[in-house]
C-alpha cells in the first residue's frame, strides 16, 4: 500500500482498483473461453478442465483459520467488525463514520483498533451513546486517525480532555460538541494549533459557583469564523481580553449562564458581523465592554435579549443600519445618553415593556399613535429623527402579539394511522380544528419531518394529486434508493382544507399519503435486536387565511412557510397549537444478521460450485451437434 497507494488518501487508490477490476474481468473471459473449449474436447481434457476449475474456485475463496474472510466495503473496513458503528463513502471517496448505540468508551476505543484501509475521514459522528464511564482523550482514536469534521451529541460524556483531537490538528475544520454533562471543552486554549478550524459549536456543563464562577477559556485563532458556546450549569464569566480572533464573523454565547463580560474582548476583532448574548444572566454592563472595532461593513447585530439588564448599556462602533436587541430585560426607561448615539447612527433598537423612551411625552406619543395605526408589525427604514418612533412601534407589537384571538382560541387535534404491512405503507392523517372563527376558507399546512428510516416519493405524490391527493411541497431531493444510514431527514409540506363541519362544531381535514420504509444496515443478532422501529413524529399545524383572519394583532406571530398549493413562494402562516391522544406512528423494519455472514458465503460458494459441475457434467454427456470445419 505504501508509495503508490497511501493509506491516508483513498482517492489515490482509484487507479489501482480500476486496474484490479480490468484484470479480474479479463480472467473471467479467459476462464469462459476455457470452459467453451473444454465442452468440445475429449473426456480426458474435460476432467483436467474440471480439476482446474475446482482449483480456481478454491483459490478464489481463501479461508482464514476456520472462517471465510469477509468482503471489504472499500474504502471502509469490514462492516461487521465495527458494529454498531457504520462506515460509508460518497462519490468522491470521502469517508464518513457514524457511531450510535455504544455502551462505553471502551467500545468506542475498540472500533479504532480495527484494521481500517484508510484513516483519514471527512466526518466522525458519535451520538446517542452511553459514554459516561471513562475519559474521552486522544488515545480513544488509536494511532493515525484524522477527522475533518467532528460531531458529538447526546452521549452522556462527563470527562473530556482538551487535547482529544490533537491528531486531527492539521485537518480539522468543524466541531459540533454538545455534551451538557461534560466537565471541559474539547479544545486547547491556543486554537492556533488547529490551523484550519473555521466553525465551532460547543455545549458543556461549565460548572461553577457564585463565589467562583466558571471562567470561559481564553481562545486565540486566526482561522475561526463562527463560534457558538452554551453552558448547562454555570454560572460563568468571560474574562477581560479573553478572545483574539482576527477572522471571526459570528460570536454567539447563547444560554451560557454568563453573569459578567470583561472589557477589551472585541479589540482584536476586525471582521465581526454578529454578536449574541441571548439568554444569559448579565446585569448592567460597563461602558468599556461593548466597544467594537470591526472594519467595513462592521457589526450588524448585537443581541442582548433575555438577560437581567436594567439599564441600556453604552454601545460603540456598530455599523449604520444595524440592529440592537434588548427585549425581555428589566429595562423600563431608556436614557438619551446611551440611546441617542445609536439613533443618530441609524441603528434600530428592539425592546419591550419600556415606559419612558426619553422623548418629550406629547411629541413622542403623537408620533407613535400616528404611525402605529399603519406600521404595526412591519419593517421600515426611517431617517435618524424617526428612528425612535420605530423603537416604540416594535415595543407595541411585542406587547400585543400575545393577544392574537385566532391563536388563543384555535387548536388542532391530530390523529394518525399507519396502514398496511411491509415496507410500503400509507400514512393517514386526521386533523380536527376547533375555533370560534370560520376556517373553512383557510389553507391548513401539515408540516411533516420524515426520519431517515422512511421517505415519501415526490413523483408518486404528484401522480396522486389529480386523483384527490393533497397539495405538497418537498424542498429536498429525495433519493428513494439509499438505505437509512445514508439518508437525511425529509421535510414535507402538505396542504389541505378543513372545510367539513362536524356536529361538535370542529372543522375536519383528512388525507392519506404513501410512505415507504428504508432498508437498514445489517448488524449482529447476538448484540442487538434484528428489528428496528421507525417512528414518524406528529406534524406541526399552520393556518393561512386569505381574508387575514386575526387582523394586525396576529402579524407578529406569523411564520414564513411555502405557499400552497406548490410551495413556489412564501406566505405568512399562523402556527396553531396541536395535540394528539395517540402515540407517534411507527413501523418495524427487519435487518440482516451479520452473525450468519460466514454461513451464507460458504453455502453460496458450495451451491455455485455444485451447479457449475452439474452443468459441465451434463454438457459432457450430451453429443455435440457442432462439427469442426476443415
Foldseek 3Di string as FASTA:
>chain_A
DPDQQDQADNLSCPVVVVVVVVVVVVVVVVLVVVLVVLLPDDVVVVVVNLVVVVVVLDVVFDADVPFTDDDQPPQFGDQFQLPPKGWDADPSRAIEIEDEAEEELVSLLSNLVDDGSHQEHAEYEYEHAAYCPDEQAQSSNPPQHEYQEYEYDHHQHAHYDLHRHLSHLARHAYYAHAHQRYPDDVHDQENVSSVRHAEYHDEYAQDDDPVGWREDAQHEYARYAEYEYAHDHTQYEHAALSYAYARYAEAHDENRQYAYYHAPVAVNYARYAYYEHYQYAYEAYDQRHQEHDYDPPAHQEYEPDNYAYAAQHAHYTGHACHEYEHENYNHAEYACVRPVVCLQSNYAYAYANHNYDHDDVVVLVVLLVVPLVPCALHDDGDHSVCRSSVNVSNHVLVVLLVVQQFQVFKEKAWDWDWDDDDFKTKIKIKIWMGGPDDQQQKKKKWKWWFALQKDADPVQQVVCVVVPAFFKEWPDDDDPQDASVPGHITIMITIDGQNDADPVGITMDMHMGMMGGGADEAHAVVVDPQKDKGFTAGTWMWIGHPVPPRPSSNSNQWDWFQDPRYRPGTDTIHTHHYDYPDGTDIHMDGHHHCVCVRVVVVVVSVVVSVVVVVVSVVSSPDDDPDDDDD
